[in-house]
Protein backbone atom coordinates (compact mmCIF):
# COMPACT_ATOMS: atom_id res chain seq x y z
CA MET A 1 32.05 193.18 -50.74
CA ALA A 2 33.13 189.83 -52.16
CA ALA A 3 35.29 189.71 -55.26
CA SER A 4 33.50 188.48 -58.36
CA SER A 5 34.29 184.90 -59.24
CA SER A 6 35.79 183.84 -62.54
CA PRO A 7 33.63 182.05 -65.15
CA ALA A 8 35.32 178.77 -64.20
CA GLU A 9 34.25 179.24 -60.59
CA ARG A 10 30.63 179.91 -61.66
CA GLY A 11 30.27 176.73 -63.75
CA LEU A 12 28.64 173.48 -62.73
CA SER A 13 30.19 170.76 -60.63
CA THR A 14 30.00 167.21 -61.91
CA ALA A 15 27.14 166.45 -59.52
CA ALA A 16 25.22 169.58 -60.52
CA LEU A 17 25.65 168.86 -64.23
CA CYS A 18 24.56 165.25 -63.81
CA ALA A 19 21.49 166.31 -61.84
CA ALA A 20 20.53 169.05 -64.31
CA ALA A 21 20.98 166.80 -67.37
CA GLY A 22 19.64 163.60 -65.85
CA VAL A 23 22.78 161.54 -66.48
CA THR A 24 25.14 159.56 -64.28
CA ARG A 25 28.79 160.29 -63.65
CA GLY A 26 29.65 157.17 -65.62
CA THR A 27 27.66 158.42 -68.60
CA LEU A 28 29.39 161.78 -68.36
CA ARG A 29 32.83 160.13 -68.37
CA LEU A 30 31.83 157.89 -71.29
CA TYR A 31 30.71 160.92 -73.30
CA GLU A 32 34.03 162.60 -72.56
CA GLN A 33 35.94 159.48 -73.65
CA GLU A 34 33.90 159.27 -76.86
CA GLY A 35 34.54 162.92 -77.69
CA LEU A 36 30.96 164.09 -77.18
CA LEU A 37 32.04 166.42 -74.37
CA MET A 38 35.35 168.12 -73.85
CA ALA A 39 37.09 167.51 -70.54
CA PRO A 40 36.28 170.61 -68.49
CA PRO A 41 38.73 172.91 -66.77
CA ARG A 42 39.28 172.35 -63.10
CA ARG A 43 38.75 174.72 -60.23
CA ALA A 44 41.57 175.62 -57.84
CA ASN A 45 40.43 172.78 -55.59
CA GLY A 46 40.81 170.29 -58.48
CA TYR A 47 37.09 169.75 -59.06
CA ARG A 48 35.77 169.74 -62.60
CA CYS A 49 33.87 172.83 -63.66
CA TYR A 50 31.44 172.42 -66.57
CA ALA A 51 29.93 175.26 -68.57
CA THR A 52 26.18 175.61 -68.05
CA SER A 53 25.74 175.12 -71.82
CA GLU A 54 26.78 171.49 -71.37
CA VAL A 55 23.32 170.76 -69.94
CA GLN A 56 21.78 171.54 -73.35
CA ARG A 57 24.45 169.49 -75.10
CA LEU A 58 23.71 166.49 -72.88
CA HIS A 59 19.98 166.85 -73.56
CA ALA A 60 20.73 166.87 -77.30
CA ILE A 61 22.94 163.78 -76.99
CA ARG A 62 20.21 161.93 -75.10
CA ALA A 63 17.61 162.95 -77.70
CA PHE A 64 19.83 161.68 -80.53
CA LYS A 65 20.35 158.40 -78.64
CA GLU A 66 16.59 157.98 -78.22
CA LEU A 67 16.23 158.44 -81.98
CA GLY A 68 18.62 155.53 -82.52
CA PHE A 69 21.88 157.31 -83.31
CA THR A 70 25.06 155.67 -82.05
CA LEU A 71 27.53 157.62 -79.94
CA ARG A 72 29.89 157.69 -82.91
CA GLU A 73 27.17 159.14 -85.15
CA ILE A 74 26.28 161.71 -82.51
CA ALA A 75 29.92 162.74 -82.19
CA LEU A 76 30.11 163.23 -85.96
CA LEU A 77 26.90 165.27 -85.98
CA LEU A 78 28.15 167.51 -83.19
CA GLU A 79 31.53 167.92 -84.90
CA GLU A 80 29.89 168.84 -88.21
CA ARG A 81 27.57 171.31 -86.50
CA GLU A 82 30.45 172.98 -84.70
CA ALA A 83 32.45 173.17 -87.94
CA ALA A 84 29.40 174.73 -89.67
CA ARG A 85 29.25 171.84 -92.18
CA LEU A 86 25.74 170.76 -91.29
CA GLY A 87 23.85 172.39 -94.13
CA PRO A 88 20.50 171.36 -95.63
CA GLU A 89 21.99 168.81 -98.06
CA ARG A 90 24.00 167.12 -95.32
CA LEU A 91 20.97 167.06 -93.01
CA GLN A 92 18.89 165.50 -95.78
CA SER A 93 21.54 162.83 -96.36
CA LEU A 94 21.79 162.05 -92.65
CA ALA A 95 18.01 161.90 -92.29
CA ALA A 96 17.71 159.50 -95.23
CA ALA A 97 20.42 157.23 -93.79
CA GLN A 98 18.75 157.24 -90.39
CA LEU A 99 15.38 156.41 -91.97
CA ARG A 100 16.94 153.38 -93.67
CA GLN A 101 18.31 152.19 -90.34
CA ILE A 102 14.95 152.71 -88.64
CA ASP A 103 13.17 150.75 -91.38
CA GLN A 104 15.67 147.90 -91.00
CA ARG A 105 15.23 147.91 -87.22
CA ILE A 106 11.43 147.88 -87.60
CA ALA A 107 11.67 144.91 -89.98
CA ARG A 108 13.86 142.98 -87.52
CA LEU A 109 11.58 143.84 -84.61
CA GLY A 110 8.57 142.72 -86.65
CA MET A 111 10.18 139.35 -87.25
CA VAL A 112 11.07 138.91 -83.58
CA ARG A 113 7.58 140.00 -82.59
CA ARG A 114 6.00 137.34 -84.81
CA TYR A 115 8.15 134.63 -83.24
CA LEU A 116 7.47 135.85 -79.73
CA ALA A 117 3.73 136.13 -80.37
CA ASP A 118 3.67 132.46 -81.39
CA VAL A 119 5.62 131.39 -78.31
CA ALA A 120 3.46 133.59 -76.06
CA VAL A 121 0.33 131.64 -77.10
CA GLY A 122 2.03 128.26 -76.71
CA ASP A 123 3.18 127.58 -80.29
CA PHE A 124 6.80 126.57 -79.83
CA SER A 125 7.37 125.52 -83.43
CA ALA A 126 9.12 128.84 -84.05
CA LEU A 127 11.89 127.72 -81.74
CA ASN A 128 12.81 125.01 -84.26
CA ASP A 129 13.19 127.52 -87.08
CA PRO A 130 16.94 127.93 -87.85
CA GLU A 131 16.45 131.69 -88.31
CA CYS A 132 14.96 131.82 -84.84
CA ARG A 133 17.80 130.07 -83.00
CA PHE A 134 18.77 133.33 -81.30
CA LEU A 135 15.30 133.49 -79.69
CA HIS A 136 15.63 130.01 -78.23
CA GLU A 137 19.07 130.86 -76.86
CA PHE A 138 17.80 134.16 -75.47
CA LEU A 139 14.80 132.56 -73.76
CA SER A 140 17.02 129.80 -72.37
CA LEU A 141 19.45 132.35 -70.94
CA GLN A 142 16.58 134.23 -69.33
CA ALA A 143 15.33 131.08 -67.59
CA GLU A 144 18.70 129.92 -66.23
CA PRO A 145 19.58 132.72 -63.79
CA ALA A 146 16.29 132.35 -61.90
CA SER A 147 17.22 128.80 -60.81
CA ALA A 148 20.97 129.35 -60.48
CA PRO A 149 22.54 130.09 -57.08
CA PRO A 150 23.63 133.74 -56.52
CA ALA A 151 27.34 132.98 -57.11
CA ALA A 152 26.54 131.40 -60.48
CA LYS A 153 24.45 134.42 -61.46
CA ALA A 154 27.32 136.80 -60.77
CA SER A 155 29.73 134.74 -62.82
CA ASN A 156 27.41 134.90 -65.83
CA LEU A 157 27.57 138.71 -65.95
C-alpha cells in the first residue's frame, strides 16, 4: 500500500494550474510579481505546487480584469477581502468609483467611435481636428507595418 502524499504533493503543477484557469505561465508569474498570488511551495523535485483553490482565485482575477479593474486595484480588493475589511460600505464605495471609471471610458469610446465612423464613410475632416490627432497617428502607425520589410516591423515592436 502506498504511503499517503502530503498536501504539497497533491497540489497542482504550474502547467495544470494554467490549464485549469486558462492562463499562461507568463500571466501566472506576473500575478505573483504583482502580489495577486503568493509564490507556492515547491515539491521535493523543485517544481512549484499550487493549491487547488488558486484556480478559483485566478478566475476571480480574470473576472475583475474583464470588468475593467487594474491589477493594482484587484490586489487591493483581494487584500481587503482576506483582511475581512470588505464590508458593505467599502463595497459600495468601490462600486461607485468603478462606475465613474466606466462612465469616463464610455465617454472616451463614444468620442473615438464618432471620429472613426466619419473616417469609415470617407469623411477625413476629423483627422484635422486637434483633439483627434491621436487617431491620425494611430491610423498612420497601423498602415506603416504592412508596407515595411520584416526587419523594420520587428524593430518597431
